[in-house]
Amino acid sequence: MRKIISLIIISMLISCSEEIEKISSEDLAKKLTIVDMHIDTPYRLWRQNLIGDEIDDISKRTLKGDFDYPRAVSGGLNVPFFSIYTPASTQIDSTSHEMAVSLISMIEDIVTLHSDKFFIVKSTSDIELLDRERLGIAFGMENGAPIEGDLSRVQFYHDKGIRYITLTHSKSNHISDSSYDENHQWEGGLSSFGKELIREMNKVGIMVDISHVSDKAFYESIEISEVPVIASHSSLRHFTPGFERNVSDDMLIKLASKGGVISINFGSSFLTKKALEYRRNREGPYPFADVTDVVDHIDRVVNLVGIDHVGIGSDYDGVGDTLPSNLKDVSTFPNLISELLTRGYTEEDIEKILSGNIIRVWKEVEDFANGRKPV
C-alpha cells in the first residue's frame, strides 16, 4: 500500500512539475518582449490580391498562413518584422521599387484600419510603447533590388520605416551575389555600389542584413560596415552541410566578432540534414524538424560565440508547410521557451534570445547614425 501511495505522490509531483513548466513558459512569453526578425505576411497578402482571392483580415483569426493578431497575442509576440519582399523577377522588369512601396502602403492601411491592434515601430524607443493589446509592426526589406542604384532611396525607405535591408535574395543583383545563385558576378561578393550602399545604410540608420548573400559577400559586408550586421533569418551550416544559405562556424565567429546577431530560421530544411535532402530529392514523407532542432542551433551559437549573438527569425509565412511539428505558427513561441528552460537557459538568457540581442544591435545602428547627423 505504501508503495502504491508513493507512486501516486511521485506521479502527482511529475504532473505538477510539468504544469509549472507549461505555465512558466507561457508566462515568460507574456512577460518578455519577443521580436521575430522575419515574417513574410505582406507577400502572402499581396499574392492573395494578385490571384483575385479575398485578402485575409489579419486582425482576426485566419484560416490561412502562420500569422494573425489573435495567434500572435496568444504566443506572446510583440514585434514582428514584416518582410517587404520583392522577387528576383522584379529586378528584370524594374518593378522592385513600385512593389516595395505598394507592400508598405498595404500594411500601413491595415495598421490605420486596426490601430487598436497594431502600430508601426520605427525605433527602439518605440518598443517602450508596447503593451499587451497592440503589436508593434516593424519593416525589413528582403532583397535590396528596390534601391535600384539610387542611394537617395536609403533615406526614402528609412522614412517609410524600413529598418533592415537584406542585400539580395535568390539571384545576384546590383548590390551583392546570392547564396542561391551560381552566377557570382562580383569579385569580392559585393559590387562597388553595394559597398557604397552599406556605408549609406550605416549613415542613415538601417541594419545590414546578410542572410541570402554569398560567403564572400557575407565577409565583405562585415568588414565594410562600421556597426554590427545581422543575419535576419538564417541557421547553421554545421547541421546542413553544403547548404550555402546557412552560416558556417567561421562565418558565425566573424559575425559575432563585430557584435552581430544571427536570428535562427524555423524552416525544417534550414534545421536538419534530412529535411534539406528531402528538399533536393523529394523522396518519402516530409521529415519535419522539431523545436529541439531549433534549440540545437541556438545551443551551437551560444557554445561558439556566446549568448549575445543569437535571436529568432522564424520565416513564418515564408517557408510554406515545412515548419517544425510544434512551431507551426506565431502562437507557439511558448514551446520554444519551454525547450530553452528545459536546457537550463535562464530568464535573462531567454530575454536576450527573444529580443535583447537584436534590440542591442538596432540601438547601436541608431546611435551611430545619430552621431553622424548635425545637431
Protein backbone atom coordinates (compact mmCIF):
# COMPACT_ATOMS: atom_id res chain seq x y z
CA MET A 1 0.00 0.00 0.00
CA ARG A 2 2.82 2.42 0.92
CA LYS A 3 4.48 1.67 -2.41
CA ILE A 4 1.25 2.47 -4.26
CA ILE A 5 0.83 5.73 -2.30
CA SER A 6 4.45 6.66 -3.06
CA LEU A 7 3.93 6.05 -6.75
CA ILE A 8 0.78 8.17 -6.72
CA ILE A 9 2.64 11.01 -4.97
CA ILE A 10 5.53 10.81 -7.44
CA SER A 11 3.08 10.83 -10.34
CA MET A 12 1.34 13.88 -8.89
CA LEU A 13 4.66 15.68 -8.42
CA ILE A 14 5.67 14.95 -12.01
CA SER A 15 2.30 16.18 -13.23
CA CYS A 16 2.60 19.35 -11.15
CA SER A 17 6.16 19.89 -12.38
CA GLU A 18 5.02 19.62 -15.99
CA GLU A 19 2.18 22.07 -15.33
CA ILE A 20 4.57 24.53 -13.66
CA GLU A 21 6.89 24.34 -16.68
CA LYS A 22 3.96 24.90 -19.03
CA ILE A 23 2.74 27.87 -17.05
CA SER A 24 6.20 29.36 -16.71
CA SER A 25 6.86 29.18 -20.45
CA GLU A 26 3.51 30.81 -21.23
CA ASP A 27 4.07 33.41 -18.52
CA LEU A 28 7.51 34.20 -19.88
CA ALA A 29 6.08 34.58 -23.37
CA LYS A 30 3.71 37.20 -21.98
CA LYS A 31 6.29 38.84 -19.73
CA LEU A 32 9.27 39.12 -22.08
CA THR A 33 9.45 41.11 -25.29
CA ILE A 34 9.50 38.85 -28.36
CA VAL A 35 10.91 40.26 -31.60
CA ASP A 36 10.69 37.94 -34.63
CA MET A 37 13.07 39.28 -37.25
CA HIS A 38 11.40 37.83 -40.33
CA ILE A 39 7.74 37.18 -41.13
CA ASP A 40 6.54 37.15 -44.75
CA THR A 41 2.90 38.09 -44.19
CA PRO A 42 2.92 41.12 -46.55
CA TYR A 43 3.85 38.97 -49.54
CA ARG A 44 1.25 36.37 -48.57
CA LEU A 45 -1.46 39.05 -48.62
CA TRP A 46 -0.12 40.62 -51.82
CA ARG A 47 -0.23 37.22 -53.55
CA GLN A 48 -3.84 36.71 -52.48
CA ASN A 49 -4.74 40.02 -54.06
CA LEU A 50 -2.75 39.21 -57.20
CA ILE A 51 -4.63 36.00 -57.90
CA GLY A 52 -8.01 37.52 -57.05
CA ASP A 53 -8.55 35.86 -53.67
CA GLU A 54 -10.05 37.69 -50.73
CA ILE A 55 -7.22 39.14 -48.64
CA ASP A 56 -7.01 37.69 -45.15
CA ASP A 57 -8.04 40.03 -42.36
CA ILE A 58 -5.03 39.55 -40.09
CA SER A 59 -6.74 41.50 -37.31
CA LYS A 60 -8.84 38.33 -36.84
CA ARG A 61 -8.13 34.60 -36.71
CA THR A 62 -7.41 33.48 -40.26
CA LEU A 63 -7.66 30.00 -41.72
CA LYS A 64 -4.56 30.52 -43.86
CA GLY A 65 -0.98 31.41 -43.11
CA ASP A 66 1.13 31.46 -39.97
CA PHE A 67 0.38 34.96 -38.65
CA ASP A 68 -2.63 36.89 -37.42
CA TYR A 69 -3.33 39.12 -34.46
CA PRO A 70 -5.08 36.60 -32.15
CA ARG A 71 -2.40 33.95 -32.63
CA ALA A 72 0.40 36.50 -32.17
CA VAL A 73 -1.10 37.73 -28.90
CA SER A 74 -1.62 34.14 -27.75
CA GLY A 75 2.04 33.34 -28.43
CA GLY A 76 3.35 36.50 -26.77
CA LEU A 77 4.78 38.03 -29.96
CA ASN A 78 5.33 41.78 -29.60
CA VAL A 79 7.27 42.96 -32.66
CA PRO A 80 7.02 41.05 -35.93
CA PHE A 81 9.44 42.33 -38.55
CA PHE A 82 7.25 42.18 -41.64
CA SER A 83 9.28 41.37 -44.74
CA ILE A 84 8.92 43.78 -47.64
CA TYR A 85 9.94 41.12 -50.13
CA THR A 86 10.46 41.66 -53.84
CA PRO A 87 11.16 38.59 -56.01
CA ALA A 88 14.24 38.47 -58.21
CA SER A 89 11.94 38.74 -61.25
CA THR A 90 11.21 42.36 -60.31
CA GLN A 91 14.88 43.15 -60.91
CA ILE A 92 14.41 42.22 -64.57
CA ASP A 93 11.26 44.23 -65.25
CA SER A 94 12.29 47.15 -62.97
CA THR A 95 9.22 46.91 -60.74
CA SER A 96 11.04 46.34 -57.42
CA HIS A 97 10.62 49.87 -56.10
CA GLU A 98 6.98 50.06 -57.12
CA MET A 99 6.20 46.73 -55.47
CA ALA A 100 8.05 47.59 -52.25
CA VAL A 101 6.16 50.85 -51.86
CA SER A 102 2.89 49.03 -52.55
CA LEU A 103 3.60 46.42 -49.86
CA ILE A 104 4.47 49.07 -47.29
CA SER A 105 1.32 51.04 -48.13
CA MET A 106 -0.81 47.91 -47.80
CA ILE A 107 0.45 47.25 -44.27
CA GLU A 108 0.13 50.94 -43.34
CA ASP A 109 -3.53 50.77 -44.40
CA ILE A 110 -4.08 47.70 -42.24
CA VAL A 111 -2.46 49.42 -39.26
CA THR A 112 -4.58 52.53 -39.76
CA LEU A 113 -7.75 50.46 -40.03
CA HIS A 114 -6.90 48.47 -36.89
CA SER A 115 -4.96 50.98 -34.80
CA ASP A 116 -6.32 49.35 -31.65
CA LYS A 117 -4.33 46.23 -32.54
CA PHE A 118 -1.28 47.40 -34.50
CA PHE A 119 1.16 50.29 -34.69
CA ILE A 120 4.32 50.88 -36.73
CA VAL A 121 7.64 50.58 -34.90
CA LYS A 122 10.36 52.83 -36.32
CA SER A 123 12.86 52.95 -33.45
CA THR A 124 13.98 51.07 -30.38
CA SER A 125 12.33 53.77 -28.28
CA ASP A 126 9.00 52.82 -29.87
CA ILE A 127 9.37 49.39 -28.28
CA GLU A 128 8.93 51.08 -24.92
CA LEU A 129 5.38 51.94 -26.05
CA LEU A 130 4.47 48.26 -26.33
CA ASP A 131 1.56 46.90 -24.39
CA ARG A 132 -0.22 43.57 -24.49
CA GLU A 133 -3.07 44.93 -26.58
CA ARG A 134 -1.17 46.17 -29.64
CA LEU A 135 1.53 44.61 -31.80
CA GLY A 136 4.36 46.81 -32.99
CA ILE A 137 4.98 46.04 -36.67
CA ALA A 138 8.48 46.80 -37.95
CA PHE A 139 9.65 46.60 -41.57
CA GLY A 140 12.61 44.79 -43.06
CA MET A 141 13.32 44.84 -46.79
CA GLU A 142 14.09 41.38 -48.21
CA ASN A 143 16.12 41.98 -51.38
CA GLY A 144 17.81 45.32 -51.93
CA ALA A 145 16.58 45.45 -55.53
CA PRO A 146 14.15 48.36 -54.83
CA ILE A 147 17.16 50.63 -54.22
CA GLU A 148 17.75 50.38 -58.00
CA GLY A 149 21.16 52.03 -57.82
CA ASP A 150 19.86 55.21 -56.18
CA LEU A 151 21.48 55.92 -52.78
CA SER A 152 18.84 58.55 -52.00
CA ARG A 153 16.36 55.72 -51.64
CA VAL A 154 18.09 54.60 -48.45
CA GLN A 155 16.76 57.68 -46.69
CA PHE A 156 13.43 57.32 -48.52
CA TYR A 157 12.94 53.78 -47.23
CA HIS A 158 14.15 54.71 -43.77
CA ASP A 159 11.43 57.36 -43.70
CA LYS A 160 8.98 54.64 -44.77
CA GLY A 161 10.01 52.56 -41.75
CA ILE A 162 12.48 50.07 -43.24
CA ARG A 163 14.94 49.11 -40.51
CA TYR A 164 16.99 46.44 -42.23
CA ILE A 165 17.78 45.59 -45.82
CA THR A 166 18.63 42.06 -46.91
CA LEU A 167 21.14 42.89 -49.63
CA THR A 168 19.91 40.29 -52.13
CA HIS A 169 17.63 37.27 -52.41
CA SER A 170 17.57 34.29 -54.77
CA LYS A 171 19.57 35.89 -57.58
CA SER A 172 22.64 38.09 -57.59
CA ASN A 173 21.66 41.73 -58.03
CA HIS A 174 23.30 45.11 -58.47
CA ILE A 175 24.35 45.04 -54.80
CA SER A 176 25.52 41.54 -53.93
CA ASP A 177 25.98 37.96 -55.04
CA SER A 178 23.40 35.48 -53.74
CA SER A 179 23.98 32.18 -51.94
CA TYR A 180 21.30 30.64 -54.17
CA ASP A 181 22.84 31.83 -57.45
CA GLU A 182 25.87 30.12 -59.02
CA ASN A 183 26.39 33.25 -61.13
CA HIS A 184 28.66 35.15 -58.75
CA GLN A 185 29.36 38.32 -60.68
CA TRP A 186 31.18 40.46 -58.10
CA GLU A 187 34.84 39.75 -57.29
CA GLY A 188 34.59 40.25 -53.53
CA GLY A 189 30.90 39.37 -53.24
CA LEU A 190 29.68 42.97 -53.28
CA SER A 191 29.51 45.39 -56.20
CA SER A 192 31.08 48.83 -55.90
CA PHE A 193 27.58 50.19 -55.42
CA GLY A 194 26.92 47.55 -52.75
CA LYS A 195 29.86 48.84 -50.74
CA GLU A 196 28.58 52.39 -51.02
CA LEU A 197 25.12 51.19 -50.03
CA ILE A 198 26.37 49.65 -46.78
CA ARG A 199 28.10 52.91 -45.84
CA GLU A 200 24.92 54.83 -46.61
CA MET A 201 22.83 52.40 -44.54
CA ASN A 202 25.24 52.96 -41.63
CA LYS A 203 24.88 56.70 -42.07
CA VAL A 204 21.08 56.70 -42.24
CA GLY A 205 20.47 54.03 -39.58
CA ILE A 206 19.33 50.87 -41.39
CA MET A 207 20.69 47.50 -40.28
CA VAL A 208 22.68 45.50 -42.85
CA ASP A 209 21.19 42.01 -43.28
CA ILE A 210 23.44 39.33 -44.76
CA SER A 211 21.00 36.46 -44.94
CA HIS A 212 20.87 35.21 -48.55
CA VAL A 213 24.24 36.64 -49.61
CA SER A 214 27.20 34.57 -50.85
CA ASP A 215 30.01 33.68 -48.47
CA LYS A 216 32.33 36.31 -49.92
CA ALA A 217 29.65 38.98 -49.66
CA PHE A 218 28.99 37.91 -46.07
CA TYR A 219 32.59 38.53 -45.03
CA GLU A 220 32.95 41.69 -47.10
CA SER A 221 29.79 43.22 -45.63
CA ILE A 222 31.05 42.70 -42.09
CA GLU A 223 34.39 44.28 -42.96
CA ILE A 224 32.83 47.37 -44.54
CA SER A 225 30.07 48.05 -42.02
CA GLU A 226 31.07 50.27 -39.12
CA VAL A 227 28.31 48.81 -36.95
CA PRO A 228 27.24 45.22 -36.24
CA VAL A 229 25.34 43.42 -39.01
CA ILE A 230 22.59 40.81 -38.74
CA ALA A 231 21.53 37.59 -40.42
CA SER A 232 17.77 38.07 -40.05
CA HIS A 233 16.63 34.53 -40.88
CA SER A 234 19.49 32.08 -41.23
CA SER A 235 20.53 28.93 -39.41
CA LEU A 236 23.79 26.97 -39.10
CA ARG A 237 25.56 25.10 -41.89
CA HIS A 238 27.01 22.69 -39.31
CA PHE A 239 23.64 20.90 -39.29
CA THR A 240 23.05 21.22 -43.07
CA PRO A 241 26.43 20.54 -44.74
CA GLY A 242 26.82 22.16 -48.15
CA PHE A 243 23.83 24.50 -47.76
CA GLU A 244 25.39 27.88 -48.52
CA ARG A 245 22.24 29.73 -47.50
CA ASN A 246 23.11 28.85 -43.88
CA VAL A 247 26.07 30.22 -41.92
CA SER A 248 29.29 28.27 -41.34
CA ASP A 249 31.06 28.24 -37.98
CA ASP A 250 33.79 30.55 -39.28
CA MET A 251 31.19 32.98 -40.65
CA LEU A 252 29.36 32.95 -37.33
CA ILE A 253 32.57 33.72 -35.45
CA LYS A 254 33.26 36.63 -37.83
CA LEU A 255 29.69 37.93 -37.43
CA ALA A 256 29.98 37.84 -33.64
CA SER A 257 33.45 39.39 -33.59
CA LYS A 258 31.89 42.72 -34.57
CA GLY A 259 28.83 42.35 -32.35
CA GLY A 260 26.40 40.89 -34.89
CA VAL A 261 23.41 38.62 -34.36
CA ILE A 262 22.12 35.56 -36.23
CA SER A 263 18.35 35.02 -35.98
CA ILE A 264 17.53 31.33 -36.40
CA ASN A 265 15.21 30.32 -39.26
CA PHE A 266 12.48 27.80 -38.34
CA GLY A 267 12.17 26.18 -41.79
CA SER A 268 12.89 22.45 -41.43
CA SER A 269 15.33 22.38 -44.37
CA PHE A 270 17.33 25.10 -42.61
CA LEU A 271 17.47 23.00 -39.46
CA THR A 272 18.18 19.36 -40.35
CA LYS A 273 20.10 17.40 -42.94
CA LYS A 274 17.12 15.11 -43.50
CA ALA A 275 14.78 17.95 -44.42
CA LEU A 276 17.42 19.55 -46.65
CA GLU A 277 17.91 16.25 -48.51
CA TYR A 278 14.14 15.99 -49.00
CA ARG A 279 14.18 19.48 -50.48
CA ARG A 280 16.72 18.26 -53.01
CA ASN A 281 15.33 14.77 -53.72
CA ARG A 282 11.58 14.89 -52.85
CA GLU A 283 11.53 11.27 -51.69
CA GLY A 284 9.25 9.83 -48.98
CA PRO A 285 7.21 11.70 -46.34
CA TYR A 286 8.42 15.12 -45.35
CA PRO A 287 10.78 14.90 -42.33
CA PHE A 288 9.55 17.80 -40.23
CA ALA A 289 12.02 19.22 -37.74
CA ASP A 290 11.16 19.77 -34.08
CA VAL A 291 11.56 22.61 -31.58
CA THR A 292 14.55 20.68 -30.24
CA ASP A 293 16.27 21.19 -33.60
CA VAL A 294 15.78 24.96 -33.37
CA VAL A 295 17.32 24.98 -29.91
CA ASP A 296 20.19 22.78 -31.14
CA HIS A 297 21.09 25.67 -33.45
CA ILE A 298 20.74 28.17 -30.61
CA ASP A 299 22.92 25.97 -28.40
CA ARG A 300 25.66 25.85 -31.02
CA VAL A 301 25.66 29.63 -31.45
CA VAL A 302 25.91 30.08 -27.68
CA ASN A 303 28.67 27.48 -27.36
CA LEU A 304 30.72 29.00 -30.20
CA VAL A 305 30.29 32.75 -29.68
CA GLY A 306 28.17 33.33 -26.57
CA ILE A 307 24.62 34.20 -25.61
CA ASP A 308 24.78 37.76 -27.02
CA HIS A 309 24.71 36.81 -30.70
CA VAL A 310 21.54 34.80 -31.33
CA GLY A 311 17.90 35.69 -31.95
CA ILE A 312 14.86 34.37 -33.80
CA GLY A 313 13.87 34.92 -37.43
CA SER A 314 11.16 32.31 -37.94
CA ASP A 315 10.38 32.93 -41.63
CA TYR A 316 6.69 32.38 -40.82
CA ASP A 317 4.58 32.74 -43.97
CA GLY A 318 7.79 32.29 -45.95
CA VAL A 319 8.73 28.61 -45.80
CA GLY A 320 5.39 27.01 -46.60
CA ASP A 321 4.43 23.77 -44.90
CA THR A 322 7.96 22.98 -43.71
CA LEU A 323 7.76 24.38 -40.18
CA PRO A 324 8.68 22.19 -37.20
CA SER A 325 5.92 19.98 -35.84
CA ASN A 326 5.45 22.09 -32.72
CA LEU A 327 6.32 25.55 -34.09
CA LYS A 328 3.65 25.83 -36.78
CA ASP A 329 2.64 29.47 -36.27
CA VAL A 330 3.12 32.57 -34.13
CA SER A 331 1.07 31.13 -31.27
CA THR A 332 3.76 28.55 -30.49
CA PHE A 333 6.59 30.66 -29.03
CA PRO A 334 5.89 29.19 -25.55
CA ASN A 335 7.01 25.81 -26.95
CA LEU A 336 10.37 27.35 -27.84
CA ILE A 337 10.65 28.95 -24.41
CA SER A 338 9.78 25.65 -22.75
CA GLU A 339 12.62 23.88 -24.55
CA LEU A 340 15.04 26.67 -23.62
CA LEU A 341 14.01 26.31 -19.97
CA THR A 342 14.45 22.54 -20.18
CA ARG A 343 18.03 23.04 -21.34
CA GLY A 344 18.85 25.34 -18.47
CA TYR A 345 18.63 28.77 -20.06
CA THR A 346 17.86 31.47 -17.50
CA GLU A 347 15.20 34.13 -17.89
CA GLU A 348 17.96 36.65 -18.66
CA ASP A 349 19.34 34.35 -21.38
CA ILE A 350 15.90 33.82 -22.90
CA GLU A 351 15.21 37.55 -22.93
CA LYS A 352 18.40 38.09 -24.94
CA ILE A 353 17.42 35.39 -27.43
CA LEU A 354 13.84 36.61 -27.84
CA SER A 355 14.67 40.28 -28.28
CA GLY A 356 17.53 41.70 -26.23
CA ASN A 357 20.32 40.90 -28.64
CA ILE A 358 18.64 42.31 -31.72
CA ILE A 359 17.48 45.41 -29.85
CA ARG A 360 21.10 45.99 -28.83
CA VAL A 361 22.28 45.89 -32.46
CA TRP A 362 19.36 48.04 -33.61
CA LYS A 363 20.21 50.61 -30.92
CA GLU A 364 23.90 50.63 -31.93
CA VAL A 365 22.89 51.27 -35.54
CA GLU A 366 20.60 54.11 -34.42
CA ASP A 367 23.27 55.64 -32.21
CA PHE A 368 25.88 55.53 -34.98
CA ALA A 369 23.51 57.23 -37.40
CA ASN A 370 22.50 59.87 -34.89
CA GLY A 371 26.14 60.63 -34.20
CA ARG A 372 26.63 61.49 -37.86
CA LYS A 373 23.65 63.83 -38.05
CA PRO A 374 24.20 67.53 -37.40
CA VAL A 375 22.96 68.82 -34.06
